[in-house]
Amino acid sequence: MKKRLAILLKEDVSLYASHLPLDKHPDVGNNAVMAKRLFLKSLLPFANYHGVDCGWYGRTDKEYDVDDFSCLLKKRFGKITAKHLFGRNW
């Protein structure tokens, strides 16, 4: 990353990054759109960053195990997902 930025700076190229604003927008943000595509209900904000909630969480109509939820993600987003299992149950 440092080398990439050095090249931009050397060539006097501007860089604009908008990851956080795209995450936090309640209607068209990445997290809000994902929640809608997963048909989540009772959405609530989380992941507060400097006073701004950046994420959304909610409930599904049914309970999923890890494998079934991975299949749902692939179906809704067309991508293969990676599972990183951690916590007291894993």
C-alpha atoms as a PDB file:
ATOM      1  CA  MET A   1       0.000   0.000   0.000  1.00  0.00           C
ATOM      2  CA  LYS A   2       2.793   2.401   0.893  1.00  0.00           C
ATOM      3  CA  LYS A   3       4.487   1.880  -2.494  1.00  0.00           C
ATOM      4  CA  ARG A   4       1.202   2.409  -4.345  1.00  0.00           C
ATOM      5  CA  LEU A   5       0.533   5.657  -2.537  1.00  0.00           C
ATOM      6  CA  ALA A   6       4.116   6.811  -3.117  1.00  0.00           C
ATOM      7  CA  ILE A   7       3.642   6.376  -6.874  1.00  0.00           C
ATOM      8  CA  LEU A   8       0.450   8.454  -6.790  1.00  0.00           C
ATOM      9  CA  LEU A   9       2.089  11.185  -4.751  1.00  0.00           C
ATOM     10  CA  LYS A  10       5.163  11.239  -6.989  1.00  0.00           C
ATOM     11  CA  GLU A  11       2.989  11.661 -10.087  1.00  0.00           C
ATOM     12  CA  ASP A  12       0.786  14.289  -8.387  1.00  0.00           C
ATOM     13  CA  VAL A  13      -2.316  12.075  -8.689  1.00  0.00           C
ATOM     14  CA  SER A  14      -5.226  12.613  -6.303  1.00  0.00           C
ATOM     15  CA  LEU A  15      -6.817   9.734  -4.437  1.00  0.00           C
ATOM     16  CA  TYR A  16     -10.342   9.702  -3.048  1.00  0.00           C
ATOM     17  CA  ALA A  17     -11.477   6.898  -0.727  1.00  0.00           C
ATOM     18  CA  SER A  18     -15.077   6.582   0.388  1.00  0.00           C
ATOM     19  CA  HIS A  19     -15.322   3.216   2.112  1.00  0.00           C
ATOM     20  CA  LEU A  20     -16.787   4.462   5.394  1.00  0.00           C
ATOM     21  CA  PRO A  21     -19.448   6.758   3.859  1.00  0.00           C
ATOM     22  CA  LEU A  22     -20.562   3.905   1.610  1.00  0.00           C
ATOM     23  CA  ASP A  23     -20.896   1.622   4.630  1.00  0.00           C
ATOM     24  CA  LYS A  24     -22.885   3.980   6.819  1.00  0.00           C
ATOM     25  CA  HIS A  25     -25.592   5.393   4.533  1.00  0.00           C
ATOM     26  CA  PRO A  26     -28.959   4.080   5.838  1.00  0.00           C
ATOM     27  CA  ASP A  27     -30.552   3.608   2.392  1.00  0.00           C
ATOM     28  CA  VAL A  28     -27.894   3.059  -0.249  1.00  0.00           C
ATOM     29  CA  GLY A  29     -24.873   2.123   1.885  1.00  0.00           C
ATOM     30  CA  ASN A  30     -23.167  -1.245   1.421  1.00  0.00           C
ATOM     31  CA  ASN A  31     -24.448  -2.605   4.734  1.00  0.00           C
ATOM     32  CA  ALA A  32     -28.022  -1.359   4.254  1.00  0.00           C
ATOM     33  CA  VAL A  33     -28.207  -2.850   0.753  1.00  0.00           C
ATOM     34  CA  MET A  34     -26.833  -6.172   1.984  1.00  0.00           C
ATOM     35  CA  ALA A  35     -29.385  -6.233   4.816  1.00  0.00           C
ATOM     36  CA  LYS A  36     -32.199  -5.603   2.316  1.00  0.00           C
ATOM     37  CA  ARG A  37     -30.950  -8.326  -0.048  1.00  0.00           C
ATOM     38  CA  LEU A  38     -30.898 -10.767   2.870  1.00  0.00           C
ATOM     39  CA  PHE A  39     -34.454  -9.715   3.838  1.00  0.00           C
ATOM     40  CA  LEU A  40     -33.365  -8.832   7.376  1.00  0.00           C
ATOM     41  CA  LYS A  41     -36.106  -7.556   9.683  1.00  0.00           C
ATOM     42  CA  SER A  42     -35.965  -5.198  12.673  1.00  0.00           C
ATOM     43  CA  LEU A  43     -32.751  -3.518  11.534  1.00  0.00           C
ATOM     44  CA  LEU A  44     -30.685  -1.792  14.187  1.00  0.00           C
ATOM     45  CA  PRO A  45     -27.407   0.129  13.824  1.00  0.00           C
ATOM     46  CA  PHE A  46     -24.063  -0.996  15.265  1.00  0.00           C
ATOM     47  CA  ALA A  47     -20.314  -0.453  14.787  1.00  0.00           C
ATOM     48  CA  ASN A  48     -20.170   3.089  16.098  1.00  0.00           C
ATOM     49  CA  TYR A  49     -17.153   4.963  14.733  1.00  0.00           C
ATOM     50  CA  HIS A  50     -16.590   8.499  16.046  1.00  0.00           C
ATOM     51  CA  GLY A  51     -20.280   8.897  16.838  1.00  0.00           C
ATOM     52  CA  VAL A  52     -21.529   7.449  13.545  1.00  0.00           C
ATOM     53  CA  ASP A  53     -23.149   4.023  13.283  1.00  0.00           C
ATOM     54  CA  CYS A  54     -21.612   2.235  10.292  1.00  0.00           C
ATOM     55  CA  GLY A  55     -23.310  -1.154  10.249  1.00  0.00           C
ATOM     56  CA  TRP A  56     -26.770  -2.691  10.396  1.00  0.00           C
ATOM     57  CA  TYR A  57     -27.968  -5.948  11.875  1.00  0.00           C
ATOM     58  CA  GLY A  58     -31.332  -7.651  12.007  1.00  0.00           C
ATOM     59  CA  ARG A  59     -33.198 -10.941  12.049  1.00  0.00           C
ATOM     60  CA  THR A  60     -34.196 -13.406   9.364  1.00  0.00           C
ATOM     61  CA  ASP A  61     -37.526 -15.216   9.196  1.00  0.00           C
ATOM     62  CA  LYS A  62     -35.821 -18.497  10.007  1.00  0.00           C
ATOM     63  CA  GLU A  63     -32.742 -19.754  11.790  1.00  0.00           C
ATOM     64  CA  TYR A  64     -29.731 -20.769   9.662  1.00  0.00           C
ATOM     65  CA  ASP A  65     -26.725 -22.899  10.456  1.00  0.00           C
ATOM     66  CA  VAL A  66     -23.367 -21.716   9.140  1.00  0.00           C
ATOM     67  CA  ASP A  67     -23.454 -23.793   5.944  1.00  0.00           C
ATOM     68  CA  ASP A  68     -27.024 -22.814   5.057  1.00  0.00           C
ATOM     69  CA  PHE A  69     -26.266 -19.151   5.659  1.00  0.00           C
ATOM     70  CA  SER A  70     -23.189 -19.406   3.423  1.00  0.00           C
ATOM     71  CA  CYS A  71     -25.427 -20.820   0.686  1.00  0.00           C
ATOM     72  CA  LEU A  72     -27.869 -17.954   1.173  1.00  0.00           C
ATOM     73  CA  LEU A  73     -25.028 -15.429   0.804  1.00  0.00           C
ATOM     74  CA  LYS A  74     -23.844 -17.079  -2.403  1.00  0.00           C
ATOM     75  CA  LYS A  75     -27.398 -17.103  -3.768  1.00  0.00           C
ATOM     76  CA  ARG A  76     -28.057 -13.443  -2.939  1.00  0.00           C
ATOM     77  CA  PHE A  77     -24.654 -12.029  -3.926  1.00  0.00           C
ATOM     78  CA  GLY A  78     -23.326 -14.523  -6.466  1.00  0.00           C
ATOM     79  CA  LYS A  79     -19.987 -14.878  -4.714  1.00  0.00           C
ATOM     80  CA  ILE A  80     -18.277 -17.634  -2.821  1.00  0.00           C
ATOM     81  CA  THR A  81     -17.954 -16.652   0.796  1.00  0.00           C
ATOM     82  CA  ALA A  82     -15.201 -17.512   3.237  1.00  0.00           C
ATOM     83  CA  LYS A  83     -16.149 -18.780   6.669  1.00  0.00           C
ATOM     84  CA  HIS A  84     -13.973 -17.837   9.619  1.00  0.00           C
ATOM     85  CA  LEU A  85     -15.363 -19.817  12.529  1.00  0.00           C
ATOM     86  CA  PHE A  86     -14.382 -18.550  15.949  1.00  0.00           C
ATOM     87  CA  GLY A  87     -15.911 -18.042  19.365  1.00  0.00           C
ATOM     88  CA  ARG A  88     -16.837 -20.379  22.167  1.00  0.00           C
ATOM     89  CA  ASN A  89     -18.881 -22.765  19.951  1.00  0.00           C
ATOM     90  CA  TRP A  90     -16.065 -23.442  17.487  1.00  0.00           C
END
